[in-house]
């Protein structure tokens, strides 16, 4: 859990510095955080899917 918190903090820092996009593909999110977490976050409204034509990179 601590490792995952550090990864999230590092990602937020990279996004804030403009070095990484704030969006990732569902497949990548599942690889990073696990299927159960991604499904739960989507169900709770913490994350929401975007159609490919609405993504800003």
PDB file of N, CA and C in Angstrom:
ATOM      1  N   UNK A   1       0.826  -1.185   0.000  1.00  0.00           N
ATOM      2  CA  UNK A   1       0.000   0.000   0.000  1.00  0.00           C
ATOM      3  C   UNK A   1       0.876   1.257   0.000  1.00  0.00           C
ATOM      4  N   UNK A   2       1.961   1.225   0.734  1.00  0.00           N
ATOM      5  CA  UNK A   2       2.863   2.373   0.784  1.00  0.00           C
ATOM      6  C   UNK A   2       3.503   2.619  -0.588  1.00  0.00           C
ATOM      7  N   UNK A   3       3.885   1.528  -1.268  1.00  0.00           N
ATOM      8  CA  UNK A   3       4.472   1.652  -2.601  1.00  0.00           C
ATOM      9  C   UNK A   3       3.480   2.300  -3.566  1.00  0.00           C
ATOM     10  N   UNK A   4       2.229   1.883  -3.484  1.00  0.00           N
ATOM     11  CA  UNK A   4       1.199   2.422  -4.366  1.00  0.00           C
ATOM     12  C   UNK A   4       0.982   3.921  -4.073  1.00  0.00           C
ATOM     13  N   UNK A   5       1.004   4.314  -2.822  1.00  0.00           N
ATOM     14  CA  UNK A   5       0.847   5.719  -2.451  1.00  0.00           C
ATOM     15  C   UNK A   5       2.017   6.547  -3.003  1.00  0.00           C
ATOM     16  N   UNK A   6       3.212   5.989  -2.950  1.00  0.00           N
ATOM     17  CA  UNK A   6       4.386   6.684  -3.492  1.00  0.00           C
ATOM     18  C   UNK A   6       4.281   6.836  -5.002  1.00  0.00           C
ATOM     19  N   UNK A   7       3.760   5.805  -5.687  1.00  0.00           N
ATOM     20  CA  UNK A   7       3.587   5.874  -7.134  1.00  0.00           C
ATOM     21  C   UNK A   7       2.571   6.948  -7.507  1.00  0.00           C
ATOM     22  N   UNK A   8       1.484   7.013  -6.754  1.00  0.00           N
ATOM     23  CA  UNK A   8       0.452   8.024  -7.023  1.00  0.00           C
ATOM     24  C   UNK A   8       1.022   9.424  -6.795  1.00  0.00           C
ATOM     25  N   UNK A   9       1.773   9.606  -5.721  1.00  0.00           N
ATOM     26  CA  UNK A   9       2.389  10.907  -5.444  1.00  0.00           C
ATOM     27  C   UNK A   9       3.379  11.311  -6.522  1.00  0.00           C
ATOM     28  N   UNK A  10       4.171  10.369  -6.974  1.00  0.00           N
ATOM     29  CA  UNK A  10       5.140  10.659  -8.040  1.00  0.00           C
ATOM     30  C   UNK A  10       4.418  11.017  -9.329  1.00  0.00           C
ATOM     31  N   UNK A  11       3.352  10.292  -9.632  1.00  0.00           N
ATOM     32  CA  UNK A  11       2.578  10.578 -10.854  1.00  0.00           C
ATOM     33  C   UNK A  11       1.968  11.977 -10.790  1.00  0.00           C
ATOM     34  N   UNK A  12       1.430  12.341  -9.643  1.00  0.00           N
ATOM     35  CA  UNK A  12       0.848  13.682  -9.492  1.00  0.00           C
ATOM     36  C   UNK A  12       1.909  14.765  -9.690  1.00  0.00           C
ATOM     37  N   UNK A  13       3.110  14.519  -9.191  1.00  0.00           N
ATOM     38  CA  UNK A  13       4.196  15.488  -9.361  1.00  0.00           C
ATOM     39  C   UNK A  13       4.567  15.619 -10.838  1.00  0.00           C
ATOM     40  N   UNK A  14       4.637  14.504 -11.549  1.00  0.00           N
ATOM     41  CA  UNK A  14       4.969  14.540 -12.983  1.00  0.00           C
ATOM     42  C   UNK A  14       3.883  15.250 -13.785  1.00  0.00           C
ATOM     43  N   UNK A  15       2.626  15.005 -13.432  1.00  0.00           N
ATOM     44  CA  UNK A  15       1.519  15.681 -14.116  1.00  0.00           C
ATOM     45  C   UNK A  15       1.579  17.181 -13.842  1.00  0.00           C
ATOM     46  N   UNK A  16       1.817  17.547 -12.588  1.00  0.00           N
ATOM     47  CA  UNK A  16       1.910  18.958 -12.212  1.00  0.00           C
ATOM     48  C   UNK A  16       3.040  19.675 -12.926  1.00  0.00           C
ATOM     49  N   UNK A  17       4.118  18.959 -13.195  1.00  0.00           N
ATOM     50  CA  UNK A  17       5.263  19.549 -13.887  1.00  0.00           C
ATOM     51  C   UNK A  17       5.076  19.521 -15.403  1.00  0.00           C
ATOM     52  N   UNK A  18       3.967  18.921 -15.868  1.00  0.00           N
ATOM     53  CA  UNK A  18       3.706  18.860 -17.302  1.00  0.00           C
ATOM     54  C   UNK A  18       4.537  17.810 -18.027  1.00  0.00           C
ATOM     55  N   UNK A  19       5.089  16.863 -17.286  1.00  0.00           N
ATOM     56  CA  UNK A  19       5.939  15.836 -17.888  1.00  0.00           C
ATOM     57  C   UNK A  19       5.178  14.562 -18.226  1.00  0.00           C
ATOM     58  N   UNK A  20       3.949  14.455 -17.762  1.00  0.00           N
ATOM     59  CA  UNK A  20       3.139  13.270 -18.031  1.00  0.00           C
ATOM     60  C   UNK A  20       1.687  13.682 -18.185  1.00  0.00           C
ATOM     61  N   UNK A  21       0.949  12.951 -19.009  1.00  0.00           N
ATOM     62  CA  UNK A  21      -0.465  13.235 -19.254  1.00  0.00           C
ATOM     63  C   UNK A  21      -1.298  12.833 -18.035  1.00  0.00           C
ATOM     64  N   UNK A  22      -2.359  13.560 -17.731  1.00  0.00           N
ATOM     65  CA  UNK A  22      -3.208  13.202 -16.597  1.00  0.00           C
ATOM     66  C   UNK A  22      -4.145  12.026 -16.892  1.00  0.00           C
ATOM     67  N   UNK A  23      -4.154  11.521 -18.125  1.00  0.00           N
ATOM     68  CA  UNK A  23      -5.012  10.392 -18.466  1.00  0.00           C
ATOM     69  C   UNK A  23      -4.173   9.198 -18.895  1.00  0.00           C
ATOM     70  N   UNK A  24      -4.704   8.006 -18.590  1.00  0.00           N
ATOM     71  CA  UNK A  24      -4.073   6.777 -19.057  1.00  0.00           C
ATOM     72  C   UNK A  24      -5.176   5.859 -19.569  1.00  0.00           C
ATOM     73  N   UNK A  25      -4.812   4.907 -20.371  1.00  0.00           N
ATOM     74  CA  UNK A  25      -5.781   3.932 -20.880  1.00  0.00           C
ATOM     75  C   UNK A  25      -6.183   2.986 -19.753  1.00  0.00           C
ATOM     76  N   UNK A  26      -7.396   2.472 -19.862  1.00  0.00           N
ATOM     77  CA  UNK A  26      -7.917   1.548 -18.849  1.00  0.00           C
ATOM     78  C   UNK A  26      -6.970   0.364 -18.664  1.00  0.00           C
ATOM     79  N   UNK A  27      -6.462  -0.163 -19.764  1.00  0.00           N
ATOM     80  CA  UNK A  27      -5.562  -1.313 -19.713  1.00  0.00           C
ATOM     81  C   UNK A  27      -4.312  -0.997 -18.876  1.00  0.00           C
ATOM     82  N   UNK A  28      -3.781   0.214 -19.038  1.00  0.00           N
ATOM     83  CA  UNK A  28      -2.607   0.624 -18.262  1.00  0.00           C
ATOM     84  C   UNK A  28      -2.968   0.813 -16.784  1.00  0.00           C
ATOM     85  N   UNK A  29      -4.150   1.381 -16.527  1.00  0.00           N
ATOM     86  CA  UNK A  29      -4.593   1.571 -15.139  1.00  0.00           C
ATOM     87  C   UNK A  29      -4.731   0.229 -14.429  1.00  0.00           C
ATOM     88  N   UNK A  30      -5.271  -0.762 -15.135  1.00  0.00           N
ATOM     89  CA  UNK A  30      -5.424  -2.093 -14.545  1.00  0.00           C
ATOM     90  C   UNK A  30      -4.059  -2.706 -14.259  1.00  0.00           C
ATOM     91  N   UNK A  31      -3.113  -2.515 -15.160  1.00  0.00           N
ATOM     92  CA  UNK A  31      -1.762  -3.044 -14.945  1.00  0.00           C
ATOM     93  C   UNK A  31      -1.095  -2.377 -13.742  1.00  0.00           C
ATOM     94  N   UNK A  32      -1.316  -1.090 -13.566  1.00  0.00           N
ATOM     95  CA  UNK A  32      -0.689  -0.364 -12.452  1.00  0.00           C
ATOM     96  C   UNK A  32      -1.364  -0.623 -11.112  1.00  0.00           C
ATOM     97  N   UNK A  33      -2.701  -0.590 -11.103  1.00  0.00           N
ATOM     98  CA  UNK A  33      -3.429  -0.569  -9.841  1.00  0.00           C
ATOM     99  C   UNK A  33      -4.290  -1.796  -9.575  1.00  0.00           C
ATOM    100  N   UNK A  34      -4.515  -2.632 -10.588  1.00  0.00           N
ATOM    101  CA  UNK A  34      -5.322  -3.838 -10.416  1.00  0.00           C
ATOM    102  C   UNK A  34      -6.760  -3.643 -10.856  1.00  0.00           C
ATOM    103  N   UNK A  35      -7.326  -4.717 -11.376  1.00  0.00           N
ATOM    104  CA  UNK A  35      -8.696  -4.704 -11.905  1.00  0.00           C
ATOM    105  C   UNK A  35      -9.710  -4.271 -10.848  1.00  0.00           C
ATOM    106  N   UNK A  36      -9.601  -4.823  -9.631  1.00  0.00           N
ATOM    107  CA  UNK A  36     -10.581  -4.515  -8.583  1.00  0.00           C
ATOM    108  C   UNK A  36     -10.581  -3.039  -8.215  1.00  0.00           C
ATOM    109  N   UNK A  37      -9.399  -2.447  -8.064  1.00  0.00           N
ATOM    110  CA  UNK A  37      -9.334  -1.022  -7.707  1.00  0.00           C
ATOM    111  C   UNK A  37      -9.916  -0.152  -8.810  1.00  0.00           C
ATOM    112  N   UNK A  38      -9.549  -0.434 -10.054  1.00  0.00           N
ATOM    113  CA  UNK A  38     -10.047   0.377 -11.170  1.00  0.00           C
ATOM    114  C   UNK A  38     -11.565   0.274 -11.267  1.00  0.00           C
ATOM    115  N   UNK A  39     -12.106  -0.934 -11.158  1.00  0.00           N
ATOM    116  CA  UNK A  39     -13.564  -1.104 -11.207  1.00  0.00           C
ATOM    117  C   UNK A  39     -14.249  -0.383 -10.053  1.00  0.00           C
ATOM    118  N   UNK A  40     -13.678  -0.490  -8.838  1.00  0.00           N
ATOM    119  CA  UNK A  40     -14.272   0.177  -7.665  1.00  0.00           C
ATOM    120  C   UNK A  40     -14.235   1.693  -7.818  1.00  0.00           C
ATOM    121  N   UNK A  41     -13.086   2.225  -8.275  1.00  0.00           N
ATOM    122  CA  UNK A  41     -12.973   3.671  -8.450  1.00  0.00           C
ATOM    123  C   UNK A  41     -13.978   4.183  -9.476  1.00  0.00           C
ATOM    124  N   UNK A  42     -14.179   3.410 -10.544  1.00  0.00           N
ATOM    125  CA  UNK A  42     -15.141   3.823 -11.563  1.00  0.00           C
ATOM    126  C   UNK A  42     -16.559   3.795 -10.994  1.00  0.00           C
ATOM    127  N   UNK A  43     -16.878   2.753 -10.234  1.00  0.00           N
ATOM    128  CA  UNK A  43     -18.204   2.622  -9.625  1.00  0.00           C
ATOM    129  C   UNK A  43     -18.465   3.753  -8.629  1.00  0.00           C
ATOM    130  N   UNK A  44     -17.419   4.154  -7.880  1.00  0.00           N
ATOM    131  CA  UNK A  44     -17.552   5.225  -6.889  1.00  0.00           C
ATOM    132  C   UNK A  44     -17.492   6.617  -7.508  1.00  0.00           C
ATOM    133  N   UNK A  45     -17.202   6.703  -8.801  1.00  0.00           N
ATOM    134  CA  UNK A  45     -17.149   7.999  -9.470  1.00  0.00           C
ATOM    135  C   UNK A  45     -15.824   8.727  -9.296  1.00  0.00           C
ATOM    136  N   UNK A  46     -14.826   8.046  -8.755  1.00  0.00           N
ATOM    137  CA  UNK A  46     -13.510   8.663  -8.565  1.00  0.00           C
ATOM    138  C   UNK A  46     -12.820   8.867  -9.909  1.00  0.00           C
ATOM    139  N   UNK A  47     -13.022   7.908 -10.801  1.00  0.00           N
ATOM    140  CA  UNK A  47     -12.491   8.026 -12.167  1.00  0.00           C
ATOM    141  C   UNK A  47     -13.649   7.819 -13.130  1.00  0.00           C
ATOM    142  N   UNK A  48     -13.512   8.324 -14.333  1.00  0.00           N
ATOM    143  CA  UNK A  48     -14.538   8.079 -15.337  1.00  0.00           C
ATOM    144  C   UNK A  48     -13.877   7.866 -16.694  1.00  0.00           C
ATOM    145  N   UNK A  49     -14.445   6.943 -17.460  1.00  0.00           N
ATOM    146  CA  UNK A  49     -13.875   6.658 -18.773  1.00  0.00           C
ATOM    147  C   UNK A  49     -14.245   7.754 -19.776  1.00  0.00           C
ATOM    148  N   UNK A  50     -13.355   7.992 -20.697  1.00  0.00           N
ATOM    149  CA  UNK A  50     -13.597   8.937 -21.774  1.00  0.00           C
ATOM    150  C   UNK A  50     -13.522   8.207 -23.096  1.00  0.00           C
ATOM    151  N   UNK A  51     -14.416   8.516 -24.033  1.00  0.00           N
ATOM    152  CA  UNK A  51     -14.274   7.940 -25.372  1.00  0.00           C
ATOM    153  C   UNK A  51     -12.975   8.456 -25.990  1.00  0.00           C
ATOM    154  N   UNK A  52     -12.313   7.661 -26.820  1.00  0.00           N
ATOM    155  CA  UNK A  52     -11.027   8.063 -27.394  1.00  0.00           C
ATOM    156  C   UNK A  52     -11.038   9.433 -28.083  1.00  0.00           C
ATOM    157  N   UNK A  53     -12.169   9.823 -28.677  1.00  0.00           N
ATOM    158  CA  UNK A  53     -12.218  11.100 -29.384  1.00  0.00           C
ATOM    159  C   UNK A  53     -12.275  12.304 -28.441  1.00  0.00           C
ATOM    160  N   UNK A  54     -12.489  12.074 -27.147  1.00  0.00           N
ATOM    161  CA  UNK A  54     -12.550  13.180 -26.183  1.00  0.00           C
ATOM    162  C   UNK A  54     -11.291  13.325 -25.347  1.00  0.00           C
ATOM    163  N   UNK A  55     -10.310  12.463 -25.573  1.00  0.00           N
ATOM    164  CA  UNK A  55      -9.075  12.536 -24.791  1.00  0.00           C
ATOM    165  C   UNK A  55      -8.229  13.715 -25.228  1.00  0.00           C
ATOM    166  N   UNK A  56      -7.638  14.373 -24.240  1.00  0.00           N
ATOM    167  CA  UNK A  56      -6.712  15.472 -24.514  1.00  0.00           C
ATOM    168  C   UNK A  56      -5.329  15.004 -24.118  1.00  0.00           C
ATOM    169  N   UNK A  57      -4.413  15.023 -25.052  1.00  0.00           N
ATOM    170  CA  UNK A  57      -3.047  14.589 -24.764  1.00  0.00           C
ATOM    171  C   UNK A  57      -2.065  15.720 -24.845  1.00  0.00           C
TER     172      UNK A  57
END
